[in-house]
Amino acid sequence: MQHFVTDDGETIHIAVSGSGPSLILLHEWASNHRVWNPIVKDLESQFTIYRWDARGHGNHAATGADQPTLARMAK
């Protein structure tokens, strides 16, 4: 699992797999990157797949300056 840091200091976990053109998979509210596990294997041979846990989701707590709202996630 890799990560990146947002502009307000939140660490976001991201899973990257496969090779080819980029494909970004976003999970729904109250879920995490694992929701895509059933289809990732079928896509990895064609795409580099990016799946992350939105702030406050998955295995990490929200610690940045902004709360995990839909508006902040969209930003």
C-alpha atoms as a PDB file:
ATOM      1  CA  MET A   1       0.000   0.000   0.000  1.00  0.00           C
ATOM      2  CA  GLN A   2       1.312   3.408  -0.955  1.00  0.00           C
ATOM      3  CA  HIS A   3       0.115   6.820   0.164  1.00  0.00           C
ATOM      4  CA  PHE A   4      -0.006  10.491  -0.738  1.00  0.00           C
ATOM      5  CA  VAL A   5      -0.462  13.585   1.424  1.00  0.00           C
ATOM      6  CA  THR A   6      -3.236  16.088   0.664  1.00  0.00           C
ATOM      7  CA  ASP A   7      -2.944  19.875   0.819  1.00  0.00           C
ATOM      8  CA  ASP A   8      -4.252  19.898   4.414  1.00  0.00           C
ATOM      9  CA  GLY A   9      -1.885  17.186   5.649  1.00  0.00           C
ATOM     10  CA  GLU A  10      -4.172  14.143   5.411  1.00  0.00           C
ATOM     11  CA  THR A  11      -2.393  10.904   4.507  1.00  0.00           C
ATOM     12  CA  ILE A  12      -4.425   8.959   1.952  1.00  0.00           C
ATOM     13  CA  HIS A  13      -3.687   5.266   1.408  1.00  0.00           C
ATOM     14  CA  ILE A  14      -3.663   4.088  -2.208  1.00  0.00           C
ATOM     15  CA  ALA A  15      -3.334   0.678  -3.834  1.00  0.00           C
ATOM     16  CA  VAL A  16      -1.673   0.649  -7.263  1.00  0.00           C
ATOM     17  CA  SER A  17      -1.545  -2.439  -9.457  1.00  0.00           C
ATOM     18  CA  GLY A  18      -1.407  -3.560 -13.067  1.00  0.00           C
ATOM     19  CA  SER A  19       0.124  -1.878 -16.100  1.00  0.00           C
ATOM     20  CA  GLY A  20      -1.143   0.174 -19.007  1.00  0.00           C
ATOM     21  CA  PRO A  21      -3.307   3.306 -19.181  1.00  0.00           C
ATOM     22  CA  SER A  22      -4.476   4.693 -15.842  1.00  0.00           C
ATOM     23  CA  LEU A  23      -7.821   3.598 -14.428  1.00  0.00           C
ATOM     24  CA  ILE A  24      -9.010   5.285 -11.237  1.00  0.00           C
ATOM     25  CA  LEU A  25     -11.583   3.439  -9.134  1.00  0.00           C
ATOM     26  CA  LEU A  26     -13.440   5.403  -6.435  1.00  0.00           C
ATOM     27  CA  HIS A  27     -15.367   3.661  -3.667  1.00  0.00           C
ATOM     28  CA  GLU A  28     -18.715   4.760  -2.297  1.00  0.00           C
ATOM     29  CA  TRP A  29     -19.249   6.494   1.051  1.00  0.00           C
ATOM     30  CA  ALA A  30     -18.521   4.288   4.093  1.00  0.00           C
ATOM     31  CA  SER A  31     -16.495   1.783   2.050  1.00  0.00           C
ATOM     32  CA  ASN A  32     -12.810   1.434   1.062  1.00  0.00           C
ATOM     33  CA  HIS A  33     -10.540   0.418  -1.807  1.00  0.00           C
ATOM     34  CA  ARG A  34     -11.226  -3.279  -1.193  1.00  0.00           C
ATOM     35  CA  VAL A  35     -14.719  -2.969  -2.687  1.00  0.00           C
ATOM     36  CA  TRP A  36     -12.986  -3.315  -6.093  1.00  0.00           C
ATOM     37  CA  ASN A  37     -11.113  -6.551  -5.257  1.00  0.00           C
ATOM     38  CA  PRO A  38     -13.528  -8.814  -7.185  1.00  0.00           C
ATOM     39  CA  ILE A  39     -12.795  -7.079 -10.521  1.00  0.00           C
ATOM     40  CA  VAL A  40      -9.193  -5.886 -10.158  1.00  0.00           C
ATOM     41  CA  LYS A  41      -7.647  -9.134 -11.429  1.00  0.00           C
ATOM     42  CA  ASP A  42      -9.653  -8.856 -14.660  1.00  0.00           C
ATOM     43  CA  LEU A  43      -8.383  -5.303 -15.294  1.00  0.00           C
ATOM     44  CA  GLU A  44      -4.724  -5.451 -14.213  1.00  0.00           C
ATOM     45  CA  SER A  45      -3.461  -6.819 -17.526  1.00  0.00           C
ATOM     46  CA  GLN A  46      -4.876  -3.817 -19.388  1.00  0.00           C
ATOM     47  CA  PHE A  47      -4.644  -0.903 -16.942  1.00  0.00           C
ATOM     48  CA  THR A  48      -2.629   0.618 -14.123  1.00  0.00           C
ATOM     49  CA  ILE A  49      -5.315   0.691 -11.457  1.00  0.00           C
ATOM     50  CA  TYR A  50      -5.430   3.302  -8.694  1.00  0.00           C
ATOM     51  CA  ARG A  51      -7.740   2.563  -5.723  1.00  0.00           C
ATOM     52  CA  TRP A  52      -7.586   4.685  -2.617  1.00  0.00           C
ATOM     53  CA  ASP A  53      -9.336   4.939   0.719  1.00  0.00           C
ATOM     54  CA  ALA A  54     -11.082   8.297   0.954  1.00  0.00           C
ATOM     55  CA  ARG A  55     -10.253  10.369   4.014  1.00  0.00           C
ATOM     56  CA  GLY A  56     -11.630   8.772   7.153  1.00  0.00           C
ATOM     57  CA  HIS A  57     -12.328   5.487   5.343  1.00  0.00           C
ATOM     58  CA  GLY A  58     -10.498   2.170   5.234  1.00  0.00           C
ATOM     59  CA  ASN A  59      -7.752   1.569   7.772  1.00  0.00           C
ATOM     60  CA  HIS A  60      -6.993   5.138   8.739  1.00  0.00           C
ATOM     61  CA  ALA A  61      -8.641   7.895  10.711  1.00  0.00           C
ATOM     62  CA  ALA A  62      -9.079  11.406   9.375  1.00  0.00           C
ATOM     63  CA  THR A  63      -6.282  13.513  10.886  1.00  0.00           C
ATOM     64  CA  GLY A  64      -6.065  16.478   8.483  1.00  0.00           C
ATOM     65  CA  ALA A  65      -7.474  19.951   9.023  1.00  0.00           C
ATOM     66  CA  ASP A  66     -10.656  19.199   7.044  1.00  0.00           C
ATOM     67  CA  GLN A  67     -13.373  16.737   8.003  1.00  0.00           C
ATOM     68  CA  PRO A  68     -14.274  13.826   5.691  1.00  0.00           C
ATOM     69  CA  THR A  69     -17.236  15.490   3.962  1.00  0.00           C
ATOM     70  CA  LEU A  70     -18.433  14.900   0.396  1.00  0.00           C
ATOM     71  CA  ALA A  71     -17.386  18.447  -0.535  1.00  0.00           C
ATOM     72  CA  ARG A  72     -13.842  17.923   0.769  1.00  0.00           C
ATOM     73  CA  MET A  73     -13.565  14.547  -0.939  1.00  0.00           C
ATOM     74  CA  ALA A  74     -14.568  16.156  -4.239  1.00  0.00           C
ATOM     75  CA  LYS A  75     -11.983  18.915  -3.765  1.00  0.00           C
END
